[in-house]
Amino acid sequence: MALFAVTLSDNTTDVVDGADAYQQEGPMTTFFAHGEGRQVIDSWSSRLASYRTADVVAVRRSAAQTAEFDRPVNTSETLLQSA
């Protein structure tokens, strides 16, 4: 599992913790945790967070669970953790 930093058009950055992958689903970009023993997004995957694709400016991935991302000084951040 990895951390994803999602920068949005309003200059906020959300961190999605525990996601394995993301993909576009219609107008949304959704982050997933794979099902146990799985390496693909399928019906066993869990949706962790979704954002309007039009609002996503950048997505950065880090494999380290304690990764630090370079952030702009004026960025507010919300941490989203998997259950």
C-alpha atoms as a PDB file:
ATOM      1  CA  MET A   1       0.000   0.000   0.000  1.00  0.00           C
ATOM      2  CA  ALA A   2       1.080   3.538  -0.644  1.00  0.00           C
ATOM      3  CA  LEU A   3       0.330   7.147   0.079  1.00  0.00           C
ATOM      4  CA  PHE A   4      -1.129   9.342  -2.638  1.00  0.00           C
ATOM      5  CA  ALA A   5      -1.052  13.139  -2.450  1.00  0.00           C
ATOM      6  CA  VAL A   6      -3.912  14.598  -4.490  1.00  0.00           C
ATOM      7  CA  THR A   7      -3.596  18.292  -5.340  1.00  0.00           C
ATOM      8  CA  LEU A   8      -6.925  19.902  -6.182  1.00  0.00           C
ATOM      9  CA  SER A   9      -7.776  23.014  -8.192  1.00  0.00           C
ATOM     10  CA  ASP A  10      -8.485  25.002  -4.993  1.00  0.00           C
ATOM     11  CA  ASN A  11      -4.793  24.531  -3.979  1.00  0.00           C
ATOM     12  CA  THR A  12      -5.567  21.995  -1.246  1.00  0.00           C
ATOM     13  CA  THR A  13      -3.763  18.676  -1.002  1.00  0.00           C
ATOM     14  CA  ASP A  14      -5.444  15.548   0.331  1.00  0.00           C
ATOM     15  CA  VAL A  15      -3.375  12.529   1.346  1.00  0.00           C
ATOM     16  CA  VAL A  16      -4.992   9.151   0.684  1.00  0.00           C
ATOM     17  CA  ASP A  17      -3.371   6.551   2.932  1.00  0.00           C
ATOM     18  CA  GLY A  18      -3.554   2.831   2.219  1.00  0.00           C
ATOM     19  CA  ALA A  19      -4.423   3.003  -1.468  1.00  0.00           C
ATOM     20  CA  ASP A  20      -2.886   0.611  -3.970  1.00  0.00           C
ATOM     21  CA  ALA A  21      -4.085   2.263  -7.172  1.00  0.00           C
ATOM     22  CA  TYR A  22      -6.449   4.789  -8.697  1.00  0.00           C
ATOM     23  CA  GLN A  23      -8.470   5.024 -11.880  1.00  0.00           C
ATOM     24  CA  GLN A  24     -11.003   7.249 -13.558  1.00  0.00           C
ATOM     25  CA  GLU A  25     -14.634   6.179 -13.136  1.00  0.00           C
ATOM     26  CA  GLY A  26     -16.797   8.432 -15.260  1.00  0.00           C
ATOM     27  CA  PRO A  27     -16.402  11.995 -13.914  1.00  0.00           C
ATOM     28  CA  MET A  28     -14.584  10.779 -10.762  1.00  0.00           C
ATOM     29  CA  THR A  29     -11.015   9.697  -9.989  1.00  0.00           C
ATOM     30  CA  THR A  30     -11.243   6.931  -7.380  1.00  0.00           C
ATOM     31  CA  PHE A  31      -8.534   5.456  -5.123  1.00  0.00           C
ATOM     32  CA  PHE A  32      -8.661   1.745  -4.254  1.00  0.00           C
ATOM     33  CA  ALA A  33      -7.141  -0.796  -1.885  1.00  0.00           C
ATOM     34  CA  HIS A  34      -6.776  -4.175  -3.600  1.00  0.00           C
ATOM     35  CA  GLY A  35      -8.567  -7.180  -2.185  1.00  0.00           C
ATOM     36  CA  GLU A  36      -6.465  -9.579  -0.141  1.00  0.00           C
ATOM     37  CA  GLY A  37      -4.097 -11.516  -2.382  1.00  0.00           C
ATOM     38  CA  ARG A  38      -5.156  -9.464  -5.437  1.00  0.00           C
ATOM     39  CA  GLN A  39      -3.079  -7.132  -7.606  1.00  0.00           C
ATOM     40  CA  VAL A  40      -5.864  -5.649  -9.737  1.00  0.00           C
ATOM     41  CA  ILE A  41      -8.819  -3.342  -9.248  1.00  0.00           C
ATOM     42  CA  ASP A  42     -11.878  -5.585  -9.292  1.00  0.00           C
ATOM     43  CA  SER A  43     -15.031  -6.316  -7.296  1.00  0.00           C
ATOM     44  CA  TRP A  44     -12.912  -7.287  -4.270  1.00  0.00           C
ATOM     45  CA  SER A  45     -11.208  -3.869  -4.141  1.00  0.00           C
ATOM     46  CA  SER A  46     -12.297  -1.258  -1.603  1.00  0.00           C
ATOM     47  CA  ARG A  47     -12.968   2.336  -2.627  1.00  0.00           C
ATOM     48  CA  LEU A  48     -11.100   4.688  -0.284  1.00  0.00           C
ATOM     49  CA  ALA A  49     -11.659   8.144  -1.768  1.00  0.00           C
ATOM     50  CA  SER A  50     -13.073   9.800  -4.882  1.00  0.00           C
ATOM     51  CA  TYR A  51     -12.537  13.244  -6.392  1.00  0.00           C
ATOM     52  CA  ARG A  52     -14.083  15.025  -9.352  1.00  0.00           C
ATOM     53  CA  THR A  53     -11.530  14.479 -12.120  1.00  0.00           C
ATOM     54  CA  ALA A  54     -11.997  18.079 -13.295  1.00  0.00           C
ATOM     55  CA  ASP A  55     -10.764  19.243  -9.841  1.00  0.00           C
ATOM     56  CA  VAL A  56      -7.615  17.063  -9.769  1.00  0.00           C
ATOM     57  CA  VAL A  57      -4.467  19.000 -10.689  1.00  0.00           C
ATOM     58  CA  ALA A  58      -1.850  16.401  -9.708  1.00  0.00           C
ATOM     59  CA  VAL A  59      -1.505  12.975  -8.087  1.00  0.00           C
ATOM     60  CA  ARG A  60       1.780  11.968  -6.464  1.00  0.00           C
ATOM     61  CA  ARG A  61       2.481   8.463  -5.142  1.00  0.00           C
ATOM     62  CA  SER A  62       4.918   7.343  -2.482  1.00  0.00           C
ATOM     63  CA  ALA A  63       5.469   3.688  -1.593  1.00  0.00           C
ATOM     64  CA  ALA A  64       6.629   4.553   1.947  1.00  0.00           C
ATOM     65  CA  GLN A  65       3.885   4.623   4.573  1.00  0.00           C
ATOM     66  CA  THR A  66       5.604   7.551   6.315  1.00  0.00           C
ATOM     67  CA  ALA A  67       6.513   9.473   3.193  1.00  0.00           C
ATOM     68  CA  GLU A  68       6.764  13.225   3.251  1.00  0.00           C
ATOM     69  CA  PHE A  69       5.604  15.179   0.228  1.00  0.00           C
ATOM     70  CA  ASP A  70       6.944  18.584  -0.737  1.00  0.00           C
ATOM     71  CA  ARG A  71       3.993  20.885  -0.190  1.00  0.00           C
ATOM     72  CA  PRO A  72       3.399  24.529  -1.032  1.00  0.00           C
ATOM     73  CA  VAL A  73       3.481  26.667   2.109  1.00  0.00           C
ATOM     74  CA  ASN A  74      -0.162  27.797   1.786  1.00  0.00           C
ATOM     75  CA  THR A  75      -1.635  24.326   1.192  1.00  0.00           C
ATOM     76  CA  SER A  76      -4.238  23.004   3.603  1.00  0.00           C
ATOM     77  CA  GLU A  77      -4.322  19.249   3.933  1.00  0.00           C
ATOM     78  CA  THR A  78      -6.804  16.557   4.855  1.00  0.00           C
ATOM     79  CA  LEU A  79      -5.613  13.059   5.752  1.00  0.00           C
ATOM     80  CA  LEU A  80      -7.861  10.239   4.537  1.00  0.00           C
ATOM     81  CA  GLN A  81      -7.083   6.860   6.105  1.00  0.00           C
ATOM     82  CA  SER A  82      -8.339   3.449   5.114  1.00  0.00           C
ATOM     83  CA  ALA A  83     -10.500   1.631   7.645  1.00  0.00           C
END
